[in-house]
């Protein structure tokens, strides 16, 4: 089972010794995303059935599992940007 990310940490450090840390609770967004997906599934199925003869229906149906796979693999993703005077670190947990 793919575990979706639940939090993101953002750390910013300036040359003025000013540190800024924030924890972003991504898990609060998932209920809205899931409800949006449930609303859009019938629409996507209808559009894919209409586009099936042209060959574009199958990629449309496969887009949802691929996006879920990409979102699930975001866990552990880190961005570290270091400049001469500033440092930004983002970690998705």
PDB file of N, CA and C in Angstrom:
ATOM      1  N   UNK A   1       0.833  -1.174   0.000  1.00  0.00           N
ATOM      2  CA  UNK A   1       0.000   0.000   0.000  1.00  0.00           C
ATOM      3  C   UNK A   1       0.880   1.240   0.000  1.00  0.00           C
ATOM      4  N   UNK A   2       0.506   2.208  -0.778  1.00  0.00           N
ATOM      5  CA  UNK A   2       1.264   3.439  -0.880  1.00  0.00           C
ATOM      6  C   UNK A   2       0.814   4.389   0.231  1.00  0.00           C
ATOM      7  N   UNK A   3       1.785   4.881   0.999  1.00  0.00           N
ATOM      8  CA  UNK A   3       1.496   5.848   2.052  1.00  0.00           C
ATOM      9  C   UNK A   3       1.700   7.251   1.496  1.00  0.00           C
ATOM     10  N   UNK A   4       0.672   8.057   1.546  1.00  0.00           N
ATOM     11  CA  UNK A   4       0.772   9.429   1.068  1.00  0.00           C
ATOM     12  C   UNK A   4       1.494  10.283   2.107  1.00  0.00           C
ATOM     13  N   UNK A   5       2.187  11.330   1.676  1.00  0.00           N
ATOM     14  CA  UNK A   5       2.881  12.190   2.644  1.00  0.00           C
ATOM     15  C   UNK A   5       1.902  12.870   3.596  1.00  0.00           C
ATOM     16  N   UNK A   6       2.327  13.014   4.850  1.00  0.00           N
ATOM     17  CA  UNK A   6       1.433  13.604   5.846  1.00  0.00           C
ATOM     18  C   UNK A   6       1.872  14.994   6.292  1.00  0.00           C
ATOM     19  N   UNK A   7       3.138  15.344   6.082  1.00  0.00           N
ATOM     20  CA  UNK A   7       3.618  16.641   6.543  1.00  0.00           C
ATOM     21  C   UNK A   7       4.782  17.110   5.687  1.00  0.00           C
ATOM     22  N   UNK A   8       4.990  18.401   5.708  1.00  0.00           N
ATOM     23  CA  UNK A   8       6.145  19.006   5.045  1.00  0.00           C
ATOM     24  C   UNK A   8       6.762  20.002   6.017  1.00  0.00           C
ATOM     25  N   UNK A   9       8.074  20.016   6.057  1.00  0.00           N
ATOM     26  CA  UNK A   9       8.794  20.956   6.912  1.00  0.00           C
ATOM     27  C   UNK A   9       9.532  21.948   6.026  1.00  0.00           C
ATOM     28  N   UNK A  10       9.437  23.206   6.368  1.00  0.00           N
ATOM     29  CA  UNK A  10      10.100  24.269   5.620  1.00  0.00           C
ATOM     30  C   UNK A  10      10.983  25.047   6.583  1.00  0.00           C
ATOM     31  N   UNK A  11      12.294  25.103   6.273  1.00  0.00           N
ATOM     32  CA  UNK A  11      13.244  25.836   7.098  1.00  0.00           C
ATOM     33  C   UNK A  11      13.943  26.868   6.229  1.00  0.00           C
ATOM     34  N   UNK A  12      13.955  28.108   6.698  1.00  0.00           N
ATOM     35  CA  UNK A  12      14.634  29.193   5.990  1.00  0.00           C
ATOM     36  C   UNK A  12      15.576  29.867   6.976  1.00  0.00           C
ATOM     37  N   UNK A  13      16.835  30.029   6.566  1.00  0.00           N
ATOM     38  CA  UNK A  13      17.826  30.683   7.422  1.00  0.00           C
ATOM     39  C   UNK A  13      18.452  31.829   6.631  1.00  0.00           C
ATOM     40  N   UNK A  14      18.412  33.030   7.208  1.00  0.00           N
ATOM     41  CA  UNK A  14      18.971  34.230   6.586  1.00  0.00           C
ATOM     42  C   UNK A  14      20.368  34.514   7.114  1.00  0.00           C
ATOM     43  N   UNK A  15      21.023  35.467   6.471  1.00  0.00           N
ATOM     44  CA  UNK A  15      22.331  35.900   6.957  1.00  0.00           C
ATOM     45  C   UNK A  15      22.202  36.731   8.236  1.00  0.00           C
ATOM     46  N   UNK A  16      21.026  37.238   8.516  1.00  0.00           N
ATOM     47  CA  UNK A  16      20.779  38.036   9.717  1.00  0.00           C
ATOM     48  C   UNK A  16      20.508  37.173  10.944  1.00  0.00           C
ATOM     49  N   UNK A  17      20.858  35.896  10.873  1.00  0.00           N
ATOM     50  CA  UNK A  17      20.574  34.923  11.941  1.00  0.00           C
ATOM     51  C   UNK A  17      19.091  34.843  12.242  1.00  0.00           C
ATOM     52  N   UNK A  18      18.295  35.063  11.221  1.00  0.00           N
ATOM     53  CA  UNK A  18      16.848  34.974  11.369  1.00  0.00           C
ATOM     54  C   UNK A  18      16.399  33.622  10.819  1.00  0.00           C
ATOM     55  N   UNK A  19      15.942  32.774  11.696  1.00  0.00           N
ATOM     56  CA  UNK A  19      15.486  31.441  11.297  1.00  0.00           C
ATOM     57  C   UNK A  19      13.972  31.414  11.229  1.00  0.00           C
ATOM     58  N   UNK A  20      13.468  30.718  10.240  1.00  0.00           N
ATOM     59  CA  UNK A  20      12.025  30.571  10.065  1.00  0.00           C
ATOM     60  C   UNK A  20      11.742  29.102   9.803  1.00  0.00           C
ATOM     61  N   UNK A  21      10.992  28.474  10.678  1.00  0.00           N
ATOM     62  CA  UNK A  21      10.612  27.071  10.527  1.00  0.00           C
ATOM     63  C   UNK A  21       9.098  26.962  10.593  1.00  0.00           C
ATOM     64  N   UNK A  22       8.569  26.152   9.694  1.00  0.00           N
ATOM     65  CA  UNK A  22       7.132  25.924   9.699  1.00  0.00           C
ATOM     66  C   UNK A  22       6.874  24.469   9.317  1.00  0.00           C
ATOM     67  N   UNK A  23       5.882  23.889   9.970  1.00  0.00           N
ATOM     68  CA  UNK A  23       5.446  22.534   9.691  1.00  0.00           C
ATOM     69  C   UNK A  23       4.096  22.632   8.993  1.00  0.00           C
ATOM     70  N   UNK A  24       4.003  22.086   7.793  1.00  0.00           N
ATOM     71  CA  UNK A  24       2.774  22.158   7.010  1.00  0.00           C
ATOM     72  C   UNK A  24       2.061  20.810   7.056  1.00  0.00           C
ATOM     73  N   UNK A  25       0.892  20.750   7.672  1.00  0.00           N
ATOM     74  CA  UNK A  25       0.166  19.475   7.771  1.00  0.00           C
ATOM     75  C   UNK A  25      -0.555  19.138   6.458  1.00  0.00           C
ATOM     76  N   UNK A  26       0.083  18.344   5.638  1.00  0.00           N
ATOM     77  CA  UNK A  26      -0.491  17.966   4.344  1.00  0.00           C
ATOM     78  C   UNK A  26      -1.698  17.042   4.528  1.00  0.00           C
ATOM     79  N   UNK A  27      -1.719  16.287   5.628  1.00  0.00           N
ATOM     80  CA  UNK A  27      -2.816  15.331   5.831  1.00  0.00           C
ATOM     81  C   UNK A  27      -4.175  16.022   5.941  1.00  0.00           C
ATOM     82  N   UNK A  28      -4.200  17.310   6.231  1.00  0.00           N
ATOM     83  CA  UNK A  28      -5.474  18.034   6.273  1.00  0.00           C
ATOM     84  C   UNK A  28      -6.043  18.279   4.874  1.00  0.00           C
ATOM     85  N   UNK A  29      -5.198  18.211   3.869  1.00  0.00           N
ATOM     86  CA  UNK A  29      -5.628  18.441   2.487  1.00  0.00           C
ATOM     87  C   UNK A  29      -6.225  17.176   1.872  1.00  0.00           C
ATOM     88  N   UNK A  30      -5.786  15.997   2.315  1.00  0.00           N
ATOM     89  CA  UNK A  30      -6.200  14.738   1.677  1.00  0.00           C
ATOM     90  C   UNK A  30      -7.709  14.508   1.649  1.00  0.00           C
ATOM     91  N   UNK A  31      -8.502  14.829   2.684  1.00  0.00           N
ATOM     92  CA  UNK A  31      -9.960  14.627   2.561  1.00  0.00           C
ATOM     93  C   UNK A  31     -10.578  15.440   1.425  1.00  0.00           C
ATOM     94  N   UNK A  32     -10.091  16.656   1.212  1.00  0.00           N
ATOM     95  CA  UNK A  32     -10.606  17.465   0.102  1.00  0.00           C
ATOM     96  C   UNK A  32     -10.194  16.884  -1.245  1.00  0.00           C
ATOM     97  N   UNK A  33      -8.960  16.405  -1.326  1.00  0.00           N
ATOM     98  CA  UNK A  33      -8.482  15.804  -2.573  1.00  0.00           C
ATOM     99  C   UNK A  33      -9.268  14.532  -2.891  1.00  0.00           C
ATOM    100  N   UNK A  34      -9.509  13.710  -1.884  1.00  0.00           N
ATOM    101  CA  UNK A  34     -10.255  12.469  -2.096  1.00  0.00           C
ATOM    102  C   UNK A  34     -11.686  12.762  -2.513  1.00  0.00           C
ATOM    103  N   UNK A  35     -12.317  13.749  -1.893  1.00  0.00           N
ATOM    104  CA  UNK A  35     -13.687  14.089  -2.302  1.00  0.00           C
ATOM    105  C   UNK A  35     -13.720  14.648  -3.721  1.00  0.00           C
ATOM    106  N   UNK A  36     -12.722  15.417  -4.107  1.00  0.00           N
ATOM    107  CA  UNK A  36     -12.637  15.925  -5.476  1.00  0.00           C
ATOM    108  C   UNK A  36     -12.445  14.784  -6.470  1.00  0.00           C
ATOM    109  N   UNK A  37     -11.625  13.811  -6.107  1.00  0.00           N
ATOM    110  CA  UNK A  37     -11.416  12.649  -6.974  1.00  0.00           C
ATOM    111  C   UNK A  37     -12.714  11.869  -7.141  1.00  0.00           C
ATOM    112  N   UNK A  38     -13.455  11.678  -6.049  1.00  0.00           N
ATOM    113  CA  UNK A  38     -14.713  10.940  -6.140  1.00  0.00           C
ATOM    114  C   UNK A  38     -15.736  11.647  -7.027  1.00  0.00           C
ATOM    115  N   UNK A  39     -15.705  12.954  -7.037  1.00  0.00           N
ATOM    116  CA  UNK A  39     -16.619  13.709  -7.896  1.00  0.00           C
ATOM    117  C   UNK A  39     -16.178  13.619  -9.356  1.00  0.00           C
ATOM    118  N   UNK A  40     -14.873  13.611  -9.597  1.00  0.00           N
ATOM    119  CA  UNK A  40     -14.360  13.629 -10.967  1.00  0.00           C
ATOM    120  C   UNK A  40     -14.282  12.262 -11.638  1.00  0.00           C
ATOM    121  N   UNK A  41     -14.347  11.179 -10.883  1.00  0.00           N
ATOM    122  CA  UNK A  41     -14.233   9.838 -11.479  1.00  0.00           C
ATOM    123  C   UNK A  41     -15.306   9.576 -12.541  1.00  0.00           C
ATOM    124  N   UNK A  42     -16.580   9.848 -12.297  1.00  0.00           N
ATOM    125  CA  UNK A  42     -17.565   9.615 -13.361  1.00  0.00           C
ATOM    126  C   UNK A  42     -17.312  10.466 -14.610  1.00  0.00           C
ATOM    127  N   UNK A  43     -16.861  11.682 -14.415  1.00  0.00           N
ATOM    128  CA  UNK A  43     -16.569  12.558 -15.552  1.00  0.00           C
ATOM    129  C   UNK A  43     -15.396  12.007 -16.357  1.00  0.00           C
ATOM    130  N   UNK A  44     -14.350  11.553 -15.672  1.00  0.00           N
ATOM    131  CA  UNK A  44     -13.182  10.993 -16.357  1.00  0.00           C
ATOM    132  C   UNK A  44     -13.563   9.722 -17.099  1.00  0.00           C
ATOM    133  N   UNK A  45     -14.393   8.876 -16.487  1.00  0.00           N
ATOM    134  CA  UNK A  45     -14.843   7.659 -17.169  1.00  0.00           C
ATOM    135  C   UNK A  45     -15.645   7.977 -18.424  1.00  0.00           C
ATOM    136  N   UNK A  46     -16.515   8.945 -18.345  1.00  0.00           N
ATOM    137  CA  UNK A  46     -17.309   9.342 -19.501  1.00  0.00           C
ATOM    138  C   UNK A  46     -16.424   9.902 -20.621  1.00  0.00           C
ATOM    139  N   UNK A  47     -15.499  10.769 -20.261  1.00  0.00           N
ATOM    140  CA  UNK A  47     -14.604  11.340 -21.272  1.00  0.00           C
ATOM    141  C   UNK A  47     -13.719  10.271 -21.884  1.00  0.00           C
ATOM    142  N   UNK A  48     -13.239   9.331 -21.078  1.00  0.00           N
ATOM    143  CA  UNK A  48     -12.390   8.267 -21.625  1.00  0.00           C
ATOM    144  C   UNK A  48     -13.180   7.340 -22.548  1.00  0.00           C
ATOM    145  N   UNK A  49     -14.461   7.101 -22.233  1.00  0.00           N
ATOM    146  CA  UNK A  49     -15.284   6.294 -23.145  1.00  0.00           C
ATOM    147  C   UNK A  49     -15.516   7.012 -24.472  1.00  0.00           C
ATOM    148  N   UNK A  50     -15.690   8.323 -24.410  1.00  0.00           N
ATOM    149  CA  UNK A  50     -15.882   9.092 -25.637  1.00  0.00           C
ATOM    150  C   UNK A  50     -14.593   9.113 -26.464  1.00  0.00           C
ATOM    151  N   UNK A  51     -13.442   9.219 -25.798  1.00  0.00           N
ATOM    152  CA  UNK A  51     -12.163   9.304 -26.497  1.00  0.00           C
ATOM    153  C   UNK A  51     -11.536   7.954 -26.811  1.00  0.00           C
ATOM    154  N   UNK A  52     -12.148   6.860 -26.381  1.00  0.00           N
ATOM    155  CA  UNK A  52     -11.563   5.531 -26.574  1.00  0.00           C
ATOM    156  C   UNK A  52     -11.324   5.199 -28.055  1.00  0.00           C
ATOM    157  N   UNK A  53     -12.252   5.490 -28.966  1.00  0.00           N
ATOM    158  CA  UNK A  53     -11.984   5.166 -30.377  1.00  0.00           C
ATOM    159  C   UNK A  53     -10.777   5.913 -30.972  1.00  0.00           C
ATOM    160  N   UNK A  54     -10.482   7.095 -30.467  1.00  0.00           N
ATOM    161  CA  UNK A  54      -9.342   7.846 -30.996  1.00  0.00           C
ATOM    162  C   UNK A  54      -8.016   7.409 -30.365  1.00  0.00           C
ATOM    163  N   UNK A  55      -8.059   6.558 -29.342  1.00  0.00           N
ATOM    164  CA  UNK A  55      -6.843   6.066 -28.700  1.00  0.00           C
ATOM    165  C   UNK A  55      -6.385   6.906 -27.521  1.00  0.00           C
ATOM    166  N   UNK A  56      -7.111   7.929 -27.157  1.00  0.00           N
ATOM    167  CA  UNK A  56      -6.720   8.796 -26.052  1.00  0.00           C
ATOM    168  C   UNK A  56      -7.434   8.455 -24.750  1.00  0.00           C
ATOM    169  N   UNK A  57      -8.330   7.499 -24.763  1.00  0.00           N
ATOM    170  CA  UNK A  57      -9.076   7.133 -23.563  1.00  0.00           C
ATOM    171  C   UNK A  57      -8.252   6.337 -22.572  1.00  0.00           C
ATOM    172  N   UNK A  58      -7.410   5.429 -23.072  1.00  0.00           N
ATOM    173  CA  UNK A  58      -6.610   4.588 -22.180  1.00  0.00           C
ATOM    174  C   UNK A  58      -5.593   5.402 -21.379  1.00  0.00           C
ATOM    175  N   UNK A  59      -4.825   6.319 -22.005  1.00  0.00           N
ATOM    176  CA  UNK A  59      -3.905   7.132 -21.183  1.00  0.00           C
ATOM    177  C   UNK A  59      -4.636   7.970 -20.137  1.00  0.00           C
ATOM    178  N   UNK A  60      -5.839   8.407 -20.453  1.00  0.00           N
ATOM    179  CA  UNK A  60      -6.618   9.174 -19.491  1.00  0.00           C
ATOM    180  C   UNK A  60      -6.996   8.312 -18.282  1.00  0.00           C
ATOM    181  N   UNK A  61      -7.349   7.056 -18.518  1.00  0.00           N
ATOM    182  CA  UNK A  61      -7.678   6.151 -17.412  1.00  0.00           C
ATOM    183  C   UNK A  61      -6.449   5.799 -16.578  1.00  0.00           C
ATOM    184  N   UNK A  62      -5.285   5.728 -17.209  1.00  0.00           N
ATOM    185  CA  UNK A  62      -4.064   5.371 -16.489  1.00  0.00           C
ATOM    186  C   UNK A  62      -3.438   6.554 -15.763  1.00  0.00           C
ATOM    187  N   UNK A  63      -3.912   7.757 -16.005  1.00  0.00           N
ATOM    188  CA  UNK A  63      -3.331   8.944 -15.376  1.00  0.00           C
ATOM    189  C   UNK A  63      -3.541   8.953 -13.862  1.00  0.00           C
ATOM    190  N   UNK A  64      -4.690   8.519 -13.395  1.00  0.00           N
ATOM    191  CA  UNK A  64      -4.974   8.545 -11.954  1.00  0.00           C
ATOM    192  C   UNK A  64      -4.054   7.619 -11.161  1.00  0.00           C
ATOM    193  N   UNK A  65      -3.868   6.349 -11.557  1.00  0.00           N
ATOM    194  CA  UNK A  65      -2.938   5.507 -10.789  1.00  0.00           C
ATOM    195  C   UNK A  65      -1.494   6.012 -10.853  1.00  0.00           C
ATOM    196  N   UNK A  66      -1.110   6.592 -11.970  1.00  0.00           N
ATOM    197  CA  UNK A  66       0.252   7.118 -12.079  1.00  0.00           C
ATOM    198  C   UNK A  66       0.439   8.305 -11.143  1.00  0.00           C
ATOM    199  N   UNK A  67      -0.564   9.195 -11.055  1.00  0.00           N
ATOM    200  CA  UNK A  67      -0.464  10.331 -10.145  1.00  0.00           C
ATOM    201  C   UNK A  67      -0.439   9.880  -8.689  1.00  0.00           C
ATOM    202  N   UNK A  68      -1.214   8.860  -8.348  1.00  0.00           N
ATOM    203  CA  UNK A  68      -1.191   8.322  -6.989  1.00  0.00           C
ATOM    204  C   UNK A  68       0.184   7.733  -6.665  1.00  0.00           C
ATOM    205  N   UNK A  69       0.788   7.061  -7.635  1.00  0.00           N
ATOM    206  CA  UNK A  69       2.124   6.500  -7.454  1.00  0.00           C
ATOM    207  C   UNK A  69       3.152   7.608  -7.219  1.00  0.00           C
ATOM    208  N   UNK A  70       3.071   8.678  -8.002  1.00  0.00           N
ATOM    209  CA  UNK A  70       4.001   9.798  -7.848  1.00  0.00           C
ATOM    210  C   UNK A  70       3.815  10.472  -6.488  1.00  0.00           C
ATOM    211  N   UNK A  71       2.577  10.709  -6.072  1.00  0.00           N
ATOM    212  CA  UNK A  71       2.317  11.323  -4.765  1.00  0.00           C
ATOM    213  C   UNK A  71       2.806  10.443  -3.619  1.00  0.00           C
ATOM    214  N   UNK A  72       2.627   9.143  -3.758  1.00  0.00           N
ATOM    215  CA  UNK A  72       3.083   8.222  -2.717  1.00  0.00           C
ATOM    216  C   UNK A  72       4.586   8.177  -2.595  1.00  0.00           C
ATOM    217  N   UNK A  73       5.289   8.407  -3.689  1.00  0.00           N
ATOM    218  CA  UNK A  73       6.743   8.374  -3.655  1.00  0.00           C
ATOM    219  C   UNK A  73       7.366   9.713  -3.296  1.00  0.00           C
ATOM    220  N   UNK A  74       6.559  10.696  -2.951  1.00  0.00           N
ATOM    221  CA  UNK A  74       7.088  11.974  -2.481  1.00  0.00           C
ATOM    222  C   UNK A  74       7.608  11.900  -1.055  1.00  0.00           C
ATOM    223  N   UNK A  75       7.223  10.852  -0.314  1.00  0.00           N
ATOM    224  CA  UNK A  75       7.703  10.710   1.065  1.00  0.00           C
ATOM    225  C   UNK A  75       9.227  10.600   1.060  1.00  0.00           C
ATOM    226  N   UNK A  76       9.862  11.410   1.869  1.00  0.00           N
ATOM    227  CA  UNK A  76      11.312  11.408   1.938  1.00  0.00           C
ATOM    228  C   UNK A  76      11.975  12.364   0.951  1.00  0.00           C
ATOM    229  N   UNK A  77      11.187  13.068   0.165  1.00  0.00           N
ATOM    230  CA  UNK A  77      11.714  14.014  -0.811  1.00  0.00           C
ATOM    231  C   UNK A  77      12.246  15.242  -0.088  1.00  0.00           C
ATOM    232  N   UNK A  78      13.480  15.634  -0.417  1.00  0.00           N
ATOM    233  CA  UNK A  78      14.100  16.781   0.238  1.00  0.00           C
ATOM    234  C   UNK A  78      14.648  17.748  -0.811  1.00  0.00           C
ATOM    235  N   UNK A  79      14.512  19.033  -0.518  1.00  0.00           N
ATOM    236  CA  UNK A  79      15.082  20.083  -1.353  1.00  0.00           C
ATOM    237  C   UNK A  79      15.976  20.911  -0.442  1.00  0.00           C
ATOM    238  N   UNK A  80      17.236  21.036  -0.813  1.00  0.00           N
ATOM    239  CA  UNK A  80      18.195  21.800  -0.023  1.00  0.00           C
ATOM    240  C   UNK A  80      18.840  22.831  -0.935  1.00  0.00           C
ATOM    241  N   UNK A  81      18.512  24.101  -0.704  1.00  0.00           N
ATOM    242  CA  UNK A  81      19.044  25.183  -1.516  1.00  0.00           C
ATOM    243  C   UNK A  81      19.926  26.033  -0.621  1.00  0.00           C
ATOM    244  N   UNK A  82      21.210  26.092  -0.948  1.00  0.00           N
ATOM    245  CA  UNK A  82      22.151  26.869  -0.146  1.00  0.00           C
ATOM    246  C   UNK A  82      22.753  27.962  -1.008  1.00  0.00           C
ATOM    247  N   UNK A  83      22.650  29.164  -0.531  1.00  0.00           N
ATOM    248  CA  UNK A  83      23.264  30.302  -1.192  1.00  0.00           C
ATOM    249  C   UNK A  83      24.371  30.861  -0.325  1.00  0.00           C
ATOM    250  N   UNK A  84      24.918  31.995  -0.710  1.00  0.00           N
ATOM    251  CA  UNK A  84      25.990  32.618   0.059  1.00  0.00           C
ATOM    252  C   UNK A  84      25.478  33.125   1.406  1.00  0.00           C
ATOM    253  N   UNK A  85      24.252  33.605   1.434  1.00  0.00           N
ATOM    254  CA  UNK A  85      23.730  34.205   2.665  1.00  0.00           C
ATOM    255  C   UNK A  85      22.457  33.545   3.174  1.00  0.00           C
ATOM    256  N   UNK A  86      21.834  32.733   2.353  1.00  0.00           N
ATOM    257  CA  UNK A  86      20.557  32.129   2.754  1.00  0.00           C
ATOM    258  C   UNK A  86      20.601  30.620   2.535  1.00  0.00           C
ATOM    259  N   UNK A  87      19.746  29.940   3.277  1.00  0.00           N
ATOM    260  CA  UNK A  87      19.621  28.490   3.132  1.00  0.00           C
ATOM    261  C   UNK A  87      18.152  28.147   3.259  1.00  0.00           C
ATOM    262  N   UNK A  88      17.648  27.328   2.330  1.00  0.00           N
ATOM    263  CA  UNK A  88      16.257  26.869   2.359  1.00  0.00           C
ATOM    264  C   UNK A  88      16.267  25.354   2.306  1.00  0.00           C
ATOM    265  N   UNK A  89      15.508  24.738   3.211  1.00  0.00           N
ATOM    266  CA  UNK A  89      15.430  23.276   3.282  1.00  0.00           C
ATOM    267  C   UNK A  89      13.971  22.886   3.371  1.00  0.00           C
ATOM    268  N   UNK A  90      13.529  22.037   2.456  1.00  0.00           N
ATOM    269  CA  UNK A  90      12.148  21.537   2.445  1.00  0.00           C
ATOM    270  C   UNK A  90      12.204  20.018   2.507  1.00  0.00           C
ATOM    271  N   UNK A  91      11.454  19.444   3.415  1.00  0.00           N
ATOM    272  CA  UNK A  91      11.408  17.987   3.557  1.00  0.00           C
ATOM    273  C   UNK A  91       9.959  17.551   3.625  1.00  0.00           C
ATOM    274  N   UNK A  92       9.598  16.574   2.789  1.00  0.00           N
ATOM    275  CA  UNK A  92       8.243  16.031   2.796  1.00  0.00           C
ATOM    276  C   UNK A  92       8.292  14.687   3.502  1.00  0.00           C
ATOM    277  N   UNK A  93       7.481  14.551   4.536  1.00  0.00           N
ATOM    278  CA  UNK A  93       7.504  13.339   5.370  1.00  0.00           C
ATOM    279  C   UNK A  93       6.264  12.513   5.172  1.00  0.00           C
TER     280      UNK A  93
END
